[in-house]
Amino acid sequence: QVQLVESGGGLVQAGGSLRLSCAASGNIFSINAMGWYRQAPGKQREWVATITSGSSTNYADSVKARFTISRDNAKNTVYLQMNSLKPEDTAVYYCNALGSYYGPQIQTFNAWGQGTLVTVSS
């Protein structure tokens, strides 16, 4: 009912920048929070950042002051601007969205994207 598609991953040198995008589509009624998570090789998935429908933001300590999350509500899209990248930021980055969609009745959803790989070389 709701699909998330990420883009913008790639290979970058340490100290560089990347911008990830995630677009939500489907029978969306509303999106409350959107966020980013990441999973490094051999590690568990961890939360990176969240933005609410009112644009309140929260960040993991490991990315605070380097990453910026933003959203375009009209486009149902969330972005993650990543600056001053470090090799330890290397991971598959996943987009997540919480909201509700049109079905036989309004129903809630918790959707995930397929992930986009970010590799930071030293």
N, C-alpha and C. Protein backbone atom coordinates (compact mmCIF):
# COMPACT_ATOMS: atom_id res chain seq x y z
N GLN A 1 0.82 -1.19 0.00
CA GLN A 1 0.00 0.00 0.00
C GLN A 1 0.86 1.26 0.00
N VAL A 2 1.99 1.21 0.69
CA VAL A 2 2.92 2.34 0.72
C VAL A 2 4.31 1.80 0.41
N GLN A 3 4.98 2.44 -0.52
CA GLN A 3 6.32 2.04 -0.91
C GLN A 3 7.29 3.19 -0.68
N LEU A 4 8.50 2.85 -0.27
CA LEU A 4 9.57 3.83 -0.08
C LEU A 4 10.72 3.47 -1.01
N VAL A 5 11.23 4.45 -1.72
CA VAL A 5 12.35 4.23 -2.63
C VAL A 5 13.45 5.21 -2.30
N GLU A 6 14.62 4.67 -1.92
CA GLU A 6 15.77 5.50 -1.58
C GLU A 6 16.67 5.68 -2.79
N SER A 7 17.44 6.74 -2.76
CA SER A 7 18.46 6.99 -3.78
C SER A 7 19.53 7.88 -3.17
N GLY A 8 20.67 7.94 -3.86
CA GLY A 8 21.72 8.86 -3.46
C GLY A 8 22.93 8.24 -2.81
N GLY A 9 22.91 6.94 -2.57
CA GLY A 9 24.09 6.31 -2.00
C GLY A 9 25.23 6.24 -2.99
N GLY A 10 26.40 5.84 -2.48
CA GLY A 10 27.55 5.72 -3.35
C GLY A 10 28.84 5.67 -2.57
N LEU A 11 29.93 5.86 -3.30
CA LEU A 11 31.28 5.83 -2.72
C LEU A 11 31.80 7.25 -2.59
N VAL A 12 32.31 7.58 -1.42
CA VAL A 12 32.84 8.92 -1.19
C VAL A 12 34.06 8.81 -0.29
N GLN A 13 34.97 9.74 -0.44
CA GLN A 13 36.15 9.76 0.43
C GLN A 13 35.81 10.37 1.79
N ALA A 14 36.57 10.00 2.78
CA ALA A 14 36.38 10.57 4.11
C ALA A 14 36.45 12.10 4.04
N GLY A 15 35.53 12.74 4.75
CA GLY A 15 35.44 14.19 4.72
C GLY A 15 34.47 14.71 3.67
N GLY A 16 34.02 13.83 2.80
CA GLY A 16 33.11 14.23 1.73
C GLY A 16 31.67 14.26 2.18
N SER A 17 30.78 14.50 1.21
CA SER A 17 29.35 14.63 1.49
C SER A 17 28.53 13.79 0.51
N LEU A 18 27.37 13.39 0.99
CA LEU A 18 26.37 12.73 0.16
C LEU A 18 24.99 13.17 0.62
N ARG A 19 24.04 13.12 -0.27
CA ARG A 19 22.66 13.43 0.07
C ARG A 19 21.77 12.26 -0.34
N LEU A 20 21.11 11.69 0.63
CA LEU A 20 20.18 10.60 0.38
C LEU A 20 18.76 11.15 0.27
N SER A 21 17.98 10.50 -0.59
CA SER A 21 16.57 10.86 -0.74
C SER A 21 15.72 9.61 -0.57
N CYS A 22 14.51 9.81 -0.10
CA CYS A 22 13.57 8.70 0.04
C CYS A 22 12.17 9.22 -0.26
N ALA A 23 11.56 8.67 -1.29
CA ALA A 23 10.23 9.10 -1.71
C ALA A 23 9.20 8.02 -1.36
N ALA A 24 8.13 8.45 -0.73
CA ALA A 24 7.04 7.55 -0.39
C ALA A 24 5.92 7.68 -1.41
N SER A 25 5.33 6.55 -1.77
CA SER A 25 4.23 6.57 -2.73
C SER A 25 3.19 5.53 -2.31
N GLY A 26 2.01 5.68 -2.89
CA GLY A 26 0.91 4.76 -2.56
C GLY A 26 -0.30 5.54 -2.12
N ASN A 27 -1.23 4.83 -1.51
CA ASN A 27 -2.48 5.46 -1.07
C ASN A 27 -2.29 6.12 0.30
N ILE A 28 -1.44 7.10 0.31
CA ILE A 28 -1.06 7.73 1.57
C ILE A 28 -2.12 8.71 2.04
N PHE A 29 -2.53 8.57 3.28
CA PHE A 29 -3.43 9.54 3.89
C PHE A 29 -2.61 10.60 4.62
N SER A 30 -1.66 10.17 5.40
CA SER A 30 -0.77 11.10 6.08
C SER A 30 0.50 10.37 6.49
N ILE A 31 1.57 11.13 6.61
CA ILE A 31 2.83 10.59 7.11
C ILE A 31 3.20 11.35 8.38
N ASN A 32 3.39 10.67 9.44
CA ASN A 32 3.77 11.31 10.69
C ASN A 32 5.29 11.46 10.73
N ALA A 33 5.99 10.49 11.19
CA ALA A 33 7.44 10.58 11.27
C ALA A 33 8.11 9.87 10.09
N MET A 34 9.22 10.42 9.66
CA MET A 34 10.07 9.77 8.67
C MET A 34 11.47 9.75 9.25
N GLY A 35 12.21 8.71 8.92
CA GLY A 35 13.53 8.61 9.51
C GLY A 35 14.48 7.79 8.69
N TRP A 36 15.72 7.80 9.17
CA TRP A 36 16.77 7.02 8.55
C TRP A 36 17.42 6.11 9.58
N TYR A 37 17.72 4.91 9.15
CA TYR A 37 18.46 3.94 9.93
C TYR A 37 19.62 3.46 9.08
N ARG A 38 20.57 2.79 9.70
CA ARG A 38 21.67 2.23 8.93
C ARG A 38 22.14 0.92 9.56
N GLN A 39 22.72 0.10 8.70
CA GLN A 39 23.25 -1.18 9.16
C GLN A 39 24.61 -1.39 8.53
N ALA A 40 25.63 -1.38 9.37
CA ALA A 40 26.99 -1.63 8.93
C ALA A 40 27.23 -3.14 8.86
N PRO A 41 28.22 -3.57 8.08
CA PRO A 41 28.50 -5.00 7.96
C PRO A 41 28.77 -5.63 9.33
N GLY A 42 28.06 -6.71 9.61
CA GLY A 42 28.27 -7.42 10.85
C GLY A 42 27.65 -6.78 12.08
N LYS A 43 26.89 -5.71 11.88
CA LYS A 43 26.29 -5.01 13.02
C LYS A 43 24.78 -4.96 12.89
N GLN A 44 24.13 -4.63 14.00
CA GLN A 44 22.68 -4.48 13.98
C GLN A 44 22.29 -3.15 13.37
N ARG A 45 21.08 -3.10 12.87
CA ARG A 45 20.56 -1.84 12.33
C ARG A 45 20.44 -0.83 13.48
N GLU A 46 20.83 0.41 13.21
CA GLU A 46 20.76 1.45 14.23
C GLU A 46 20.05 2.67 13.68
N TRP A 47 19.40 3.38 14.58
CA TRP A 47 18.69 4.59 14.24
C TRP A 47 19.70 5.72 13.98
N VAL A 48 19.39 6.55 12.97
CA VAL A 48 20.26 7.67 12.63
C VAL A 48 19.58 9.01 12.92
N ALA A 49 18.38 9.20 12.38
CA ALA A 49 17.71 10.49 12.54
C ALA A 49 16.22 10.33 12.25
N THR A 50 15.43 11.23 12.83
CA THR A 50 13.99 11.25 12.63
C THR A 50 13.51 12.67 12.46
N ILE A 51 12.47 12.84 11.63
CA ILE A 51 11.82 14.14 11.48
C ILE A 51 10.31 13.91 11.53
N THR A 52 9.62 14.74 12.29
CA THR A 52 8.17 14.61 12.41
C THR A 52 7.46 15.43 11.34
N SER A 53 6.16 15.29 11.30
CA SER A 53 5.38 16.06 10.33
C SER A 53 5.49 17.55 10.60
N GLY A 54 5.79 17.91 11.85
CA GLY A 54 5.98 19.31 12.19
C GLY A 54 7.42 19.76 12.06
N SER A 55 8.26 18.90 11.48
CA SER A 55 9.68 19.20 11.22
C SER A 55 10.55 19.24 12.46
N SER A 56 10.11 18.64 13.55
CA SER A 56 11.00 18.46 14.68
C SER A 56 11.98 17.34 14.35
N THR A 57 13.22 17.52 14.71
CA THR A 57 14.26 16.55 14.34
C THR A 57 15.00 16.02 15.57
N ASN A 58 15.49 14.80 15.41
CA ASN A 58 16.34 14.19 16.42
C ASN A 58 17.42 13.39 15.70
N TYR A 59 18.60 13.35 16.34
CA TYR A 59 19.74 12.68 15.73
C TYR A 59 20.44 11.77 16.73
N ALA A 60 21.01 10.70 16.21
CA ALA A 60 21.90 9.90 17.02
C ALA A 60 23.15 10.72 17.32
N ASP A 61 23.73 10.51 18.48
CA ASP A 61 24.91 11.28 18.88
C ASP A 61 26.04 11.14 17.86
N SER A 62 26.13 9.98 17.24
CA SER A 62 27.25 9.71 16.33
C SER A 62 27.20 10.55 15.05
N VAL A 63 26.03 11.11 14.74
CA VAL A 63 25.91 11.88 13.50
C VAL A 63 25.53 13.34 13.75
N LYS A 64 25.25 13.67 15.00
CA LYS A 64 24.82 15.03 15.32
C LYS A 64 25.87 16.02 14.85
N ALA A 65 25.42 17.12 14.27
CA ALA A 65 26.26 18.21 13.77
C ALA A 65 26.91 17.88 12.43
N ARG A 66 26.77 16.64 11.95
CA ARG A 66 27.31 16.29 10.63
C ARG A 66 26.20 15.99 9.63
N PHE A 67 25.12 15.39 10.11
CA PHE A 67 24.01 15.00 9.25
C PHE A 67 22.82 15.93 9.49
N THR A 68 22.05 16.18 8.44
CA THR A 68 20.84 16.98 8.55
C THR A 68 19.70 16.26 7.85
N ILE A 69 18.62 16.04 8.58
CA ILE A 69 17.42 15.43 8.00
C ILE A 69 16.41 16.52 7.69
N SER A 70 15.75 16.39 6.55
CA SER A 70 14.72 17.34 6.16
C SER A 70 13.65 16.60 5.37
N ARG A 71 12.52 17.25 5.15
CA ARG A 71 11.45 16.59 4.40
C ARG A 71 10.67 17.61 3.59
N ASP A 72 10.10 17.11 2.50
CA ASP A 72 9.21 17.89 1.66
C ASP A 72 7.86 17.20 1.75
N ASN A 73 6.97 17.76 2.54
CA ASN A 73 5.68 17.11 2.78
C ASN A 73 4.85 17.01 1.50
N ALA A 74 4.97 17.99 0.63
CA ALA A 74 4.19 17.97 -0.61
C ALA A 74 4.61 16.81 -1.51
N LYS A 75 5.87 16.40 -1.39
CA LYS A 75 6.41 15.32 -2.22
C LYS A 75 6.53 14.01 -1.45
N ASN A 76 6.12 14.01 -0.19
CA ASN A 76 6.28 12.81 0.65
C ASN A 76 7.71 12.28 0.59
N THR A 77 8.65 13.16 0.68
CA THR A 77 10.06 12.81 0.52
C THR A 77 10.86 13.30 1.72
N VAL A 78 11.78 12.45 2.14
CA VAL A 78 12.70 12.81 3.22
C VAL A 78 14.12 12.75 2.68
N TYR A 79 14.96 13.62 3.20
CA TYR A 79 16.34 13.72 2.75
C TYR A 79 17.28 13.55 3.95
N LEU A 80 18.48 13.12 3.65
CA LEU A 80 19.52 13.07 4.66
C LEU A 80 20.80 13.63 4.04
N GLN A 81 21.15 14.83 4.45
CA GLN A 81 22.39 15.46 4.01
C GLN A 81 23.49 15.01 4.96
N MET A 82 24.50 14.35 4.41
CA MET A 82 25.58 13.81 5.23
C MET A 82 26.87 14.51 4.87
N ASN A 83 27.43 15.22 5.83
CA ASN A 83 28.68 15.95 5.64
C ASN A 83 29.77 15.36 6.54
N SER A 84 31.00 15.71 6.24
CA SER A 84 32.14 15.26 7.05
C SER A 84 32.07 13.75 7.29
N LEU A 85 31.84 13.02 6.23
CA LEU A 85 31.66 11.58 6.36
C LEU A 85 32.93 10.89 6.83
N LYS A 86 32.72 9.84 7.62
CA LYS A 86 33.82 9.07 8.18
C LYS A 86 33.70 7.61 7.71
N PRO A 87 34.81 6.89 7.70
CA PRO A 87 34.71 5.47 7.30
C PRO A 87 33.70 4.69 8.14
N GLU A 88 33.53 5.07 9.38
CA GLU A 88 32.57 4.36 10.23
C GLU A 88 31.12 4.67 9.88
N ASP A 89 30.89 5.59 8.96
CA ASP A 89 29.53 5.84 8.46
C ASP A 89 29.16 4.86 7.35
N THR A 90 30.11 4.04 6.93
CA THR A 90 29.83 3.06 5.89
C THR A 90 28.74 2.10 6.35
N ALA A 91 27.69 1.98 5.55
CA ALA A 91 26.55 1.15 5.93
C ALA A 91 25.52 1.17 4.81
N VAL A 92 24.56 0.28 4.92
CA VAL A 92 23.35 0.38 4.10
C VAL A 92 22.38 1.27 4.87
N TYR A 93 21.90 2.31 4.24
CA TYR A 93 21.00 3.26 4.86
C TYR A 93 19.56 2.96 4.43
N TYR A 94 18.68 2.86 5.42
CA TYR A 94 17.29 2.53 5.19
C TYR A 94 16.40 3.70 5.60
N CYS A 95 15.41 3.94 4.78
CA CYS A 95 14.39 4.95 5.08
C CYS A 95 13.20 4.27 5.76
N ASN A 96 12.59 4.97 6.69
CA ASN A 96 11.42 4.46 7.39
C ASN A 96 10.36 5.55 7.47
N ALA A 97 9.10 5.14 7.35
CA ALA A 97 8.00 6.11 7.45
C ALA A 97 6.85 5.50 8.25
N LEU A 98 6.27 6.32 9.09
CA LEU A 98 5.10 5.92 9.90
C LEU A 98 3.94 6.84 9.54
N GLY A 99 2.80 6.25 9.25
CA GLY A 99 1.66 7.09 8.92
C GLY A 99 0.41 6.26 8.75
N SER A 100 -0.49 6.74 7.91
CA SER A 100 -1.73 6.03 7.64
C SER A 100 -2.05 6.10 6.15
N TYR A 101 -2.78 5.12 5.68
CA TYR A 101 -3.10 5.06 4.27
C TYR A 101 -4.57 4.72 4.08
N TYR A 102 -5.05 5.01 2.87
CA TYR A 102 -6.44 4.70 2.51
C TYR A 102 -6.56 3.21 2.19
N GLY A 103 -7.42 2.54 2.89
CA GLY A 103 -7.76 1.17 2.57
C GLY A 103 -9.27 1.07 2.61
N PRO A 104 -9.79 -0.09 2.94
CA PRO A 104 -11.23 -0.15 3.20
C PRO A 104 -11.60 0.86 4.29
N GLN A 105 -10.64 1.13 5.15
CA GLN A 105 -10.72 2.22 6.11
C GLN A 105 -9.30 2.75 6.29
N ILE A 106 -9.18 3.86 6.96
CA ILE A 106 -7.84 4.42 7.20
C ILE A 106 -7.07 3.47 8.11
N GLN A 107 -5.89 3.07 7.66
CA GLN A 107 -5.07 2.13 8.42
C GLN A 107 -3.67 2.68 8.58
N THR A 108 -3.01 2.27 9.63
CA THR A 108 -1.65 2.74 9.87
C THR A 108 -0.65 1.88 9.11
N PHE A 109 0.50 2.46 8.82
CA PHE A 109 1.58 1.72 8.19
C PHE A 109 2.92 2.04 8.83
N ASN A 110 3.82 1.12 8.70
CA ASN A 110 5.21 1.27 9.12
C ASN A 110 6.04 0.69 7.97
N ALA A 111 6.50 1.56 7.09
CA ALA A 111 7.13 1.13 5.84
C ALA A 111 8.64 1.33 5.86
N TRP A 112 9.32 0.46 5.13
CA TRP A 112 10.78 0.51 5.00
C TRP A 112 11.16 0.52 3.53
N GLY A 113 12.22 1.23 3.23
CA GLY A 113 12.78 1.18 1.90
C GLY A 113 13.70 -0.01 1.75
N GLN A 114 14.23 -0.18 0.55
CA GLN A 114 15.07 -1.34 0.25
C GLN A 114 16.52 -1.13 0.67
N GLY A 115 16.88 0.10 0.97
CA GLY A 115 18.23 0.40 1.40
C GLY A 115 19.10 0.92 0.28
N THR A 116 20.03 1.78 0.65
CA THR A 116 21.01 2.30 -0.30
C THR A 116 22.37 2.28 0.38
N LEU A 117 23.38 1.81 -0.34
CA LEU A 117 24.70 1.60 0.24
C LEU A 117 25.53 2.89 0.20
N VAL A 118 26.07 3.24 1.34
CA VAL A 118 27.01 4.34 1.46
C VAL A 118 28.36 3.77 1.88
N THR A 119 29.39 4.04 1.09
CA THR A 119 30.73 3.56 1.40
C THR A 119 31.66 4.76 1.51
N VAL A 120 32.32 4.88 2.64
CA VAL A 120 33.24 5.99 2.87
C VAL A 120 34.65 5.42 2.96
N SER A 121 35.49 5.83 2.04
CA SER A 121 36.87 5.33 2.02
C SER A 121 37.79 6.26 2.81
N SER A 122 38.79 5.66 3.41
CA SER A 122 39.73 6.45 4.23
C SER A 122 40.89 6.99 3.39
